[in-house]
């Protein structure tokens, strides 16, 4: 009997940890299996404070991000490294950013050092991403801890075409 409880306990740990590996690798079929067993797994948090959505975002797993959002993943969950939107902007992934915004991601969320998704988009030199954020209400007046706005970073990086998009 003890062996049975031990196996069930080990199995449950394995299932809960597995979601993070699945989101990292982009294994959508396995994600669907895990979700069928436990729908709440989409909002689990690993030992580092990351949600499956944040991990999928950092790994550029668009289909996984889409599935998680369609299954009630918390789009604005804030990890020690910020939200999924901050991660997608840091990575410069337009498609994921667009999907997150469509699902009500906060475009003015502040990450470490007061950095915003817009500042990350400028730093990644992604004009299309900057335009998307501005069109969706990104506050261009927010300064990071260095005292710079997104436009000031565009000018500093000599990104004239991006600077022209900003106030």
N, C-alpha and C. Protein backbone atom coordinates (compact mmCIF):
# COMPACT_ATOMS: atom_id res chain seq x y z
N UNK A 1 0.82 -1.19 0.00
CA UNK A 1 0.00 0.00 0.00
C UNK A 1 0.87 1.27 0.00
N UNK A 2 1.95 1.26 0.80
CA UNK A 2 2.85 2.42 0.83
C UNK A 2 3.46 2.65 -0.54
N UNK A 3 3.79 1.58 -1.20
CA UNK A 3 4.38 1.69 -2.53
C UNK A 3 3.41 2.36 -3.49
N UNK A 4 2.15 2.04 -3.41
CA UNK A 4 1.14 2.64 -4.28
C UNK A 4 1.05 4.15 -4.03
N UNK A 5 0.99 4.57 -2.76
CA UNK A 5 0.95 6.00 -2.46
C UNK A 5 2.21 6.71 -2.93
N UNK A 6 3.34 6.08 -2.74
CA UNK A 6 4.61 6.64 -3.20
C UNK A 6 4.60 6.84 -4.71
N UNK A 7 4.14 5.84 -5.43
CA UNK A 7 4.10 5.94 -6.90
C UNK A 7 3.14 7.02 -7.36
N UNK A 8 2.01 7.15 -6.69
CA UNK A 8 1.04 8.21 -7.03
C UNK A 8 1.66 9.57 -6.75
N UNK A 9 2.34 9.72 -5.61
CA UNK A 9 2.99 10.97 -5.26
C UNK A 9 4.07 11.35 -6.29
N UNK A 10 4.94 10.41 -6.62
CA UNK A 10 6.00 10.65 -7.61
C UNK A 10 5.39 10.99 -8.96
N UNK A 11 4.34 10.29 -9.33
CA UNK A 11 3.66 10.54 -10.60
C UNK A 11 3.09 11.95 -10.64
N UNK A 12 2.49 12.41 -9.54
CA UNK A 12 1.90 13.75 -9.54
C UNK A 12 2.98 14.82 -9.64
N UNK A 13 4.11 14.61 -9.00
CA UNK A 13 5.23 15.56 -9.13
C UNK A 13 5.70 15.59 -10.57
N UNK A 14 5.85 14.44 -11.15
CA UNK A 14 6.30 14.32 -12.54
C UNK A 14 5.35 15.04 -13.49
N UNK A 15 4.04 14.90 -13.28
CA UNK A 15 3.07 15.54 -14.17
C UNK A 15 3.15 17.05 -14.05
N UNK A 16 3.26 17.57 -12.83
CA UNK A 16 3.27 19.01 -12.66
C UNK A 16 4.54 19.63 -13.22
N UNK A 17 5.67 18.97 -13.08
CA UNK A 17 6.91 19.48 -13.63
C UNK A 17 6.96 19.35 -15.14
N UNK A 18 6.32 18.35 -15.65
CA UNK A 18 6.36 18.07 -17.08
C UNK A 18 5.83 19.23 -17.93
N UNK A 19 4.88 19.98 -17.42
CA UNK A 19 4.29 21.09 -18.18
C UNK A 19 5.35 22.10 -18.60
N UNK A 20 6.35 22.33 -17.77
CA UNK A 20 7.37 23.31 -18.10
C UNK A 20 8.29 22.80 -19.21
N UNK A 21 8.63 21.54 -19.16
CA UNK A 21 9.43 20.93 -20.23
C UNK A 21 8.66 20.94 -21.55
N UNK A 22 7.36 20.66 -21.46
CA UNK A 22 6.50 20.64 -22.64
C UNK A 22 6.44 22.03 -23.28
N UNK A 23 6.29 23.04 -22.45
CA UNK A 23 6.20 24.41 -22.97
C UNK A 23 7.54 24.89 -23.53
N UNK A 24 8.62 24.42 -22.94
CA UNK A 24 9.95 24.75 -23.44
C UNK A 24 10.16 24.14 -24.83
N UNK A 25 9.77 22.89 -24.97
CA UNK A 25 10.03 22.16 -26.21
C UNK A 25 8.99 22.40 -27.30
N UNK A 26 7.81 22.89 -26.90
CA UNK A 26 6.77 23.14 -27.89
C UNK A 26 5.93 21.93 -28.23
N UNK A 27 5.92 20.91 -27.38
CA UNK A 27 5.18 19.67 -27.63
C UNK A 27 3.70 19.90 -27.34
N UNK A 28 2.98 20.36 -28.35
CA UNK A 28 1.58 20.73 -28.19
C UNK A 28 0.70 19.53 -27.84
N UNK A 29 0.97 18.39 -28.43
CA UNK A 29 0.15 17.20 -28.15
C UNK A 29 0.27 16.79 -26.68
N UNK A 30 1.47 16.82 -26.16
CA UNK A 30 1.67 16.47 -24.75
C UNK A 30 1.02 17.52 -23.85
N UNK A 31 1.08 18.78 -24.25
CA UNK A 31 0.42 19.84 -23.49
C UNK A 31 -1.08 19.59 -23.42
N UNK A 32 -1.67 19.19 -24.51
CA UNK A 32 -3.10 18.90 -24.53
C UNK A 32 -3.43 17.74 -23.59
N UNK A 33 -2.57 16.74 -23.55
CA UNK A 33 -2.77 15.60 -22.64
C UNK A 33 -2.73 16.07 -21.19
N UNK A 34 -1.72 16.87 -20.86
CA UNK A 34 -1.59 17.37 -19.49
C UNK A 34 -2.78 18.24 -19.10
N UNK A 35 -3.23 19.05 -20.04
CA UNK A 35 -4.38 19.93 -19.78
C UNK A 35 -5.64 19.10 -19.56
N UNK A 36 -5.80 18.02 -20.30
CA UNK A 36 -6.98 17.16 -20.14
C UNK A 36 -6.99 16.52 -18.75
N UNK A 37 -5.83 16.19 -18.24
CA UNK A 37 -5.72 15.58 -16.91
C UNK A 37 -5.97 16.61 -15.82
N UNK A 38 -5.41 17.82 -16.02
CA UNK A 38 -5.55 18.87 -15.01
C UNK A 38 -5.56 20.24 -15.70
N UNK A 39 -6.73 20.80 -15.96
CA UNK A 39 -6.81 22.10 -16.65
C UNK A 39 -6.09 23.23 -15.91
N UNK A 40 -5.98 23.13 -14.59
CA UNK A 40 -5.31 24.19 -13.81
C UNK A 40 -3.81 24.23 -14.04
N UNK A 41 -3.28 23.21 -14.67
CA UNK A 41 -1.83 23.15 -14.89
C UNK A 41 -1.32 24.32 -15.73
N UNK A 42 -2.20 24.94 -16.51
CA UNK A 42 -1.77 26.07 -17.34
C UNK A 42 -1.34 27.27 -16.51
N UNK A 43 -1.75 27.32 -15.26
CA UNK A 43 -1.36 28.43 -14.38
C UNK A 43 -0.46 27.99 -13.23
N UNK A 44 0.18 26.85 -13.40
CA UNK A 44 1.12 26.41 -12.37
C UNK A 44 2.36 27.31 -12.42
N UNK A 45 3.14 27.25 -11.36
CA UNK A 45 4.35 28.06 -11.26
C UNK A 45 5.49 27.14 -10.85
N UNK A 46 6.63 27.25 -11.54
CA UNK A 46 7.76 26.38 -11.20
C UNK A 46 8.57 26.98 -10.04
N UNK A 47 9.62 26.27 -9.66
CA UNK A 47 10.42 26.68 -8.51
C UNK A 47 11.12 28.02 -8.70
N UNK A 48 11.23 28.48 -9.95
CA UNK A 48 11.86 29.78 -10.24
C UNK A 48 10.84 30.90 -10.38
N UNK A 49 9.56 30.57 -10.20
CA UNK A 49 8.51 31.58 -10.27
C UNK A 49 7.96 31.84 -11.65
N UNK A 50 8.22 30.93 -12.60
CA UNK A 50 7.75 31.11 -13.97
C UNK A 50 6.50 30.27 -14.25
N UNK A 51 5.61 30.82 -15.05
CA UNK A 51 4.42 30.09 -15.49
C UNK A 51 4.73 29.39 -16.82
N UNK A 52 3.91 28.42 -17.20
CA UNK A 52 4.09 27.80 -18.51
C UNK A 52 4.05 28.82 -19.66
N UNK A 53 3.18 29.81 -19.54
CA UNK A 53 3.07 30.84 -20.59
C UNK A 53 4.37 31.62 -20.74
N UNK A 54 4.97 31.99 -19.65
CA UNK A 54 6.23 32.75 -19.72
C UNK A 54 7.32 31.89 -20.35
N UNK A 55 7.40 30.63 -19.96
CA UNK A 55 8.41 29.75 -20.54
C UNK A 55 8.19 29.57 -22.04
N UNK A 56 6.94 29.35 -22.44
CA UNK A 56 6.64 29.20 -23.87
C UNK A 56 6.97 30.47 -24.64
N UNK A 57 6.72 31.61 -24.02
CA UNK A 57 7.02 32.89 -24.66
C UNK A 57 8.52 33.06 -24.88
N UNK A 58 9.30 32.80 -23.85
CA UNK A 58 10.76 32.94 -23.97
C UNK A 58 11.35 31.96 -24.97
N UNK A 59 10.69 30.84 -25.16
CA UNK A 59 11.17 29.83 -26.12
C UNK A 59 10.54 29.98 -27.50
N UNK A 60 9.79 31.06 -27.71
CA UNK A 60 9.17 31.36 -29.02
C UNK A 60 8.25 30.25 -29.51
N UNK A 61 7.48 29.67 -28.61
CA UNK A 61 6.58 28.56 -28.93
C UNK A 61 5.17 29.11 -29.18
N UNK A 62 4.94 29.67 -30.36
CA UNK A 62 3.69 30.35 -30.69
C UNK A 62 2.47 29.46 -30.50
N UNK A 63 2.50 28.24 -31.00
CA UNK A 63 1.33 27.35 -30.88
C UNK A 63 1.03 27.01 -29.43
N UNK A 64 2.06 26.84 -28.63
CA UNK A 64 1.87 26.57 -27.22
C UNK A 64 1.29 27.80 -26.52
N UNK A 65 1.82 28.97 -26.83
CA UNK A 65 1.30 30.22 -26.25
C UNK A 65 -0.18 30.36 -26.59
N UNK A 66 -0.53 30.11 -27.83
CA UNK A 66 -1.92 30.21 -28.28
C UNK A 66 -2.81 29.24 -27.49
N UNK A 67 -2.37 28.00 -27.35
CA UNK A 67 -3.15 27.01 -26.60
C UNK A 67 -3.32 27.45 -25.15
N UNK A 68 -2.26 27.87 -24.52
CA UNK A 68 -2.33 28.30 -23.13
C UNK A 68 -3.30 29.46 -22.94
N UNK A 69 -3.25 30.43 -23.83
CA UNK A 69 -4.14 31.58 -23.73
C UNK A 69 -5.60 31.18 -23.95
N UNK A 70 -5.82 30.28 -24.89
CA UNK A 70 -7.20 29.81 -25.14
C UNK A 70 -7.73 28.98 -23.98
N UNK A 71 -6.83 28.53 -23.12
CA UNK A 71 -7.23 27.70 -21.99
C UNK A 71 -6.98 28.39 -20.65
N UNK A 72 -7.16 29.70 -20.67
CA UNK A 72 -7.21 30.52 -19.45
C UNK A 72 -5.89 30.72 -18.72
N UNK A 73 -4.78 30.67 -19.41
CA UNK A 73 -3.52 31.04 -18.78
C UNK A 73 -3.58 32.52 -18.42
N UNK A 74 -3.02 32.88 -17.30
CA UNK A 74 -3.03 34.28 -16.84
C UNK A 74 -2.02 35.07 -17.65
N UNK A 75 -2.53 35.90 -18.55
CA UNK A 75 -1.69 36.63 -19.49
C UNK A 75 -0.78 37.64 -18.80
N UNK A 76 -1.20 38.18 -17.68
CA UNK A 76 -0.41 39.21 -17.00
C UNK A 76 0.29 38.70 -15.73
N UNK A 77 0.44 37.37 -15.64
CA UNK A 77 1.15 36.81 -14.49
C UNK A 77 2.57 37.39 -14.48
N UNK A 78 2.99 37.85 -13.31
CA UNK A 78 4.29 38.52 -13.18
C UNK A 78 5.28 37.61 -12.45
N UNK A 79 6.31 37.20 -13.15
CA UNK A 79 7.36 36.35 -12.58
C UNK A 79 8.50 37.24 -12.09
N UNK A 80 9.51 36.65 -11.49
CA UNK A 80 10.68 37.46 -11.09
C UNK A 80 11.36 38.15 -12.27
N UNK A 81 11.14 37.65 -13.47
CA UNK A 81 11.73 38.26 -14.67
C UNK A 81 10.72 39.06 -15.47
N UNK A 82 9.51 39.23 -14.95
CA UNK A 82 8.49 39.99 -15.64
C UNK A 82 7.40 39.11 -16.24
N UNK A 83 6.59 39.72 -17.07
CA UNK A 83 5.44 39.04 -17.68
C UNK A 83 5.82 38.41 -19.02
N UNK A 84 4.87 37.66 -19.56
CA UNK A 84 5.07 37.05 -20.88
C UNK A 84 5.29 38.13 -21.95
N UNK A 85 4.57 39.24 -21.86
CA UNK A 85 4.73 40.31 -22.85
C UNK A 85 6.13 40.90 -22.80
N UNK A 86 6.65 41.12 -21.62
CA UNK A 86 8.03 41.61 -21.52
C UNK A 86 9.00 40.63 -22.17
N UNK A 87 8.79 39.34 -21.93
CA UNK A 87 9.65 38.32 -22.53
C UNK A 87 9.56 38.30 -24.03
N UNK A 88 8.35 38.40 -24.55
CA UNK A 88 8.16 38.38 -26.01
C UNK A 88 8.78 39.62 -26.66
N UNK A 89 8.67 40.76 -26.00
CA UNK A 89 9.28 41.99 -26.54
C UNK A 89 10.80 41.91 -26.45
N UNK A 90 11.30 41.36 -25.37
CA UNK A 90 12.75 41.18 -25.23
C UNK A 90 13.27 40.30 -26.35
N UNK A 91 12.52 39.26 -26.68
CA UNK A 91 12.91 38.34 -27.75
C UNK A 91 12.61 38.91 -29.14
N UNK A 92 11.78 39.96 -29.19
CA UNK A 92 11.43 40.57 -30.47
C UNK A 92 10.46 39.73 -31.30
N UNK A 93 9.64 38.92 -30.63
CA UNK A 93 8.73 38.01 -31.35
C UNK A 93 7.38 38.69 -31.59
N UNK A 94 7.23 39.24 -32.80
CA UNK A 94 6.03 39.99 -33.15
C UNK A 94 4.76 39.15 -33.01
N UNK A 95 4.76 37.95 -33.54
CA UNK A 95 3.54 37.12 -33.53
C UNK A 95 3.06 36.82 -32.11
N UNK A 96 3.99 36.53 -31.22
CA UNK A 96 3.60 36.26 -29.83
C UNK A 96 3.13 37.54 -29.16
N UNK A 97 3.80 38.65 -29.40
CA UNK A 97 3.36 39.92 -28.81
C UNK A 97 1.95 40.24 -29.28
N UNK A 98 1.70 40.08 -30.56
CA UNK A 98 0.37 40.36 -31.10
C UNK A 98 -0.68 39.49 -30.42
N UNK A 99 -0.39 38.22 -30.25
CA UNK A 99 -1.31 37.29 -29.60
C UNK A 99 -1.54 37.67 -28.14
N UNK A 100 -0.50 38.03 -27.44
CA UNK A 100 -0.63 38.44 -26.04
C UNK A 100 -1.48 39.70 -25.92
N UNK A 101 -1.26 40.67 -26.80
CA UNK A 101 -2.05 41.90 -26.77
C UNK A 101 -3.52 41.61 -27.06
N UNK A 102 -3.77 40.74 -28.03
CA UNK A 102 -5.15 40.34 -28.34
C UNK A 102 -5.84 39.72 -27.13
N UNK A 103 -5.05 39.17 -26.23
CA UNK A 103 -5.57 38.52 -25.03
C UNK A 103 -5.43 39.40 -23.79
N UNK A 104 -5.36 40.70 -24.02
CA UNK A 104 -5.39 41.71 -22.95
C UNK A 104 -4.12 41.81 -22.10
N UNK A 105 -2.98 41.55 -22.70
CA UNK A 105 -1.72 41.78 -21.98
C UNK A 105 -1.55 43.28 -21.73
N UNK A 106 -1.03 43.63 -20.60
CA UNK A 106 -0.80 45.02 -20.22
C UNK A 106 0.43 45.55 -20.97
N UNK A 107 0.21 46.43 -21.93
CA UNK A 107 1.32 46.95 -22.75
C UNK A 107 2.19 47.94 -21.99
N UNK A 108 1.77 48.34 -20.80
CA UNK A 108 2.55 49.29 -20.00
C UNK A 108 3.11 48.68 -18.73
N UNK A 109 3.21 47.38 -18.71
CA UNK A 109 3.76 46.69 -17.55
C UNK A 109 5.23 47.09 -17.37
N UNK A 110 5.65 47.18 -16.13
CA UNK A 110 7.03 47.53 -15.84
C UNK A 110 7.79 46.30 -15.37
N UNK A 111 8.93 46.10 -15.97
CA UNK A 111 9.81 45.02 -15.56
C UNK A 111 10.91 45.55 -14.66
N UNK A 112 11.92 44.73 -14.45
CA UNK A 112 13.07 45.17 -13.66
C UNK A 112 13.68 46.42 -14.26
N UNK A 113 14.17 47.29 -13.41
CA UNK A 113 14.75 48.57 -13.83
C UNK A 113 13.75 49.46 -14.55
N UNK A 114 12.47 49.23 -14.28
CA UNK A 114 11.39 50.03 -14.87
C UNK A 114 11.31 49.91 -16.39
N UNK A 115 11.83 48.85 -16.93
CA UNK A 115 11.81 48.69 -18.38
C UNK A 115 10.41 48.30 -18.84
N UNK A 116 10.04 48.79 -20.01
CA UNK A 116 8.71 48.52 -20.56
C UNK A 116 8.83 47.65 -21.81
N UNK A 117 7.71 47.05 -22.23
CA UNK A 117 7.73 46.32 -23.49
C UNK A 117 8.20 47.20 -24.66
N UNK A 118 7.79 48.46 -24.65
CA UNK A 118 8.18 49.38 -25.73
C UNK A 118 9.69 49.61 -25.75
N UNK A 119 10.29 49.76 -24.59
CA UNK A 119 11.75 49.94 -24.54
C UNK A 119 12.45 48.69 -25.05
N UNK A 120 11.96 47.50 -24.65
CA UNK A 120 12.54 46.26 -25.17
C UNK A 120 12.40 46.19 -26.69
N UNK A 121 11.25 46.59 -27.21
CA UNK A 121 11.02 46.55 -28.66
C UNK A 121 12.01 47.46 -29.39
N UNK A 122 12.24 48.64 -28.84
CA UNK A 122 13.21 49.57 -29.44
C UNK A 122 14.60 48.95 -29.38
N UNK A 123 14.97 48.43 -28.22
CA UNK A 123 16.30 47.85 -28.07
C UNK A 123 16.52 46.65 -28.98
N UNK A 124 15.45 45.94 -29.33
CA UNK A 124 15.58 44.82 -30.27
C UNK A 124 15.55 45.29 -31.72
N UNK A 125 15.43 46.61 -31.90
CA UNK A 125 15.45 47.25 -33.23
C UNK A 125 14.33 46.74 -34.13
N UNK A 126 13.18 46.50 -33.53
CA UNK A 126 12.06 45.90 -34.25
C UNK A 126 10.97 46.95 -34.48
N UNK A 127 11.05 47.60 -35.62
CA UNK A 127 10.13 48.68 -35.97
C UNK A 127 8.67 48.21 -35.98
N UNK A 128 8.44 47.06 -36.53
CA UNK A 128 7.08 46.50 -36.61
C UNK A 128 6.50 46.30 -35.20
N UNK A 129 7.32 45.83 -34.30
CA UNK A 129 6.90 45.60 -32.92
C UNK A 129 6.64 46.93 -32.20
N UNK A 130 7.50 47.90 -32.40
CA UNK A 130 7.31 49.23 -31.82
C UNK A 130 5.98 49.80 -32.28
N UNK A 131 5.72 49.71 -33.56
CA UNK A 131 4.47 50.24 -34.13
C UNK A 131 3.25 49.55 -33.51
N UNK A 132 3.31 48.24 -33.36
CA UNK A 132 2.21 47.48 -32.76
C UNK A 132 1.94 47.94 -31.33
N UNK A 133 2.99 48.10 -30.55
CA UNK A 133 2.83 48.53 -29.16
C UNK A 133 2.25 49.94 -29.08
N UNK A 134 2.75 50.84 -29.92
CA UNK A 134 2.24 52.22 -29.93
C UNK A 134 0.76 52.23 -30.32
N UNK A 135 0.41 51.46 -31.33
CA UNK A 135 -0.99 51.38 -31.77
C UNK A 135 -1.91 50.82 -30.68
N UNK A 136 -1.34 50.08 -29.76
CA UNK A 136 -2.14 49.48 -28.70
C UNK A 136 -1.97 50.17 -27.35
N UNK A 137 -1.54 51.42 -27.40
CA UNK A 137 -1.56 52.26 -26.21
C UNK A 137 -0.32 52.26 -25.33
N UNK A 138 0.81 51.81 -25.85
CA UNK A 138 2.03 51.85 -25.04
C UNK A 138 2.35 53.29 -24.66
N UNK A 139 2.59 53.50 -23.39
CA UNK A 139 2.91 54.83 -22.86
C UNK A 139 4.36 55.16 -23.21
N UNK A 140 4.54 56.16 -24.04
CA UNK A 140 5.86 56.52 -24.53
C UNK A 140 6.63 57.43 -23.56
N UNK A 141 5.97 57.86 -22.50
CA UNK A 141 6.61 58.78 -21.56
C UNK A 141 7.30 58.08 -20.39
N UNK A 142 7.08 56.77 -20.26
CA UNK A 142 7.68 56.04 -19.13
C UNK A 142 9.20 55.99 -19.30
N UNK A 143 9.89 56.31 -18.21
CA UNK A 143 11.36 56.26 -18.21
C UNK A 143 11.81 55.05 -17.41
N UNK A 144 12.85 54.41 -17.88
CA UNK A 144 13.42 53.29 -17.13
C UNK A 144 14.28 53.83 -16.00
N UNK A 145 14.93 52.95 -15.25
CA UNK A 145 15.72 53.40 -14.10
C UNK A 145 16.94 54.22 -14.50
N UNK A 146 17.31 54.16 -15.78
CA UNK A 146 18.41 54.99 -16.27
C UNK A 146 17.90 56.38 -16.69
N UNK A 147 16.58 56.58 -16.60
CA UNK A 147 15.99 57.87 -16.93
C UNK A 147 15.71 58.07 -18.41
N UNK A 148 15.66 56.98 -19.17
CA UNK A 148 15.45 57.10 -20.62
C UNK A 148 14.08 56.55 -21.04
N UNK A 149 13.48 57.23 -22.00
CA UNK A 149 12.25 56.75 -22.63
C UNK A 149 12.61 55.88 -23.82
N UNK A 150 11.60 55.26 -24.40
CA UNK A 150 11.82 54.44 -25.60
C UNK A 150 12.41 55.29 -26.73
N UNK A 151 11.90 56.51 -26.90
CA UNK A 151 12.43 57.37 -27.96
C UNK A 151 13.89 57.72 -27.72
N UNK A 152 14.24 57.97 -26.49
CA UNK A 152 15.64 58.29 -26.18
C UNK A 152 16.55 57.11 -26.52
N UNK A 153 16.06 55.88 -26.31
CA UNK A 153 16.85 54.71 -26.71
C UNK A 153 16.95 54.62 -28.23
N UNK A 154 15.87 54.93 -28.92
CA UNK A 154 15.90 54.91 -30.39
C UNK A 154 16.94 55.90 -30.91
N UNK A 155 16.97 57.09 -30.33
CA UNK A 155 17.95 58.11 -30.75
C UNK A 155 19.37 57.68 -30.38
N UNK A 156 19.53 57.14 -29.19
CA UNK A 156 20.84 56.68 -28.73
C UNK A 156 21.39 55.57 -29.65
N UNK A 157 20.49 54.70 -30.10
CA UNK A 157 20.89 53.58 -30.98
C UNK A 157 20.89 53.99 -32.46
N UNK A 158 20.61 55.26 -32.72
CA UNK A 158 20.58 55.81 -34.08
C UNK A 158 19.57 55.08 -34.97
N UNK A 159 18.39 54.85 -34.41
CA UNK A 159 17.30 54.18 -35.13
C UNK A 159 16.29 55.25 -35.53
N UNK A 160 16.65 56.02 -36.55
CA UNK A 160 15.83 57.17 -36.95
C UNK A 160 14.42 56.77 -37.34
N UNK A 161 14.27 55.67 -38.07
CA UNK A 161 12.94 55.25 -38.52
C UNK A 161 12.05 54.87 -37.32
N UNK A 162 12.65 54.28 -36.30
CA UNK A 162 11.89 53.94 -35.10
C UNK A 162 11.61 55.19 -34.27
N UNK A 163 12.58 56.07 -34.16
CA UNK A 163 12.39 57.32 -33.40
C UNK A 163 11.25 58.14 -33.98
N UNK A 164 11.07 58.09 -35.29
CA UNK A 164 9.99 58.84 -35.94
C UNK A 164 8.61 58.32 -35.54
N UNK A 165 8.52 57.07 -35.12
CA UNK A 165 7.25 56.50 -34.68
C UNK A 165 6.86 56.95 -33.28
N UNK A 166 7.84 57.48 -32.55
CA UNK A 166 7.64 57.80 -31.15
C UNK A 166 7.56 59.30 -30.91
N UNK A 167 6.85 59.65 -29.87
CA UNK A 167 6.69 61.06 -29.49
C UNK A 167 7.88 61.54 -28.70
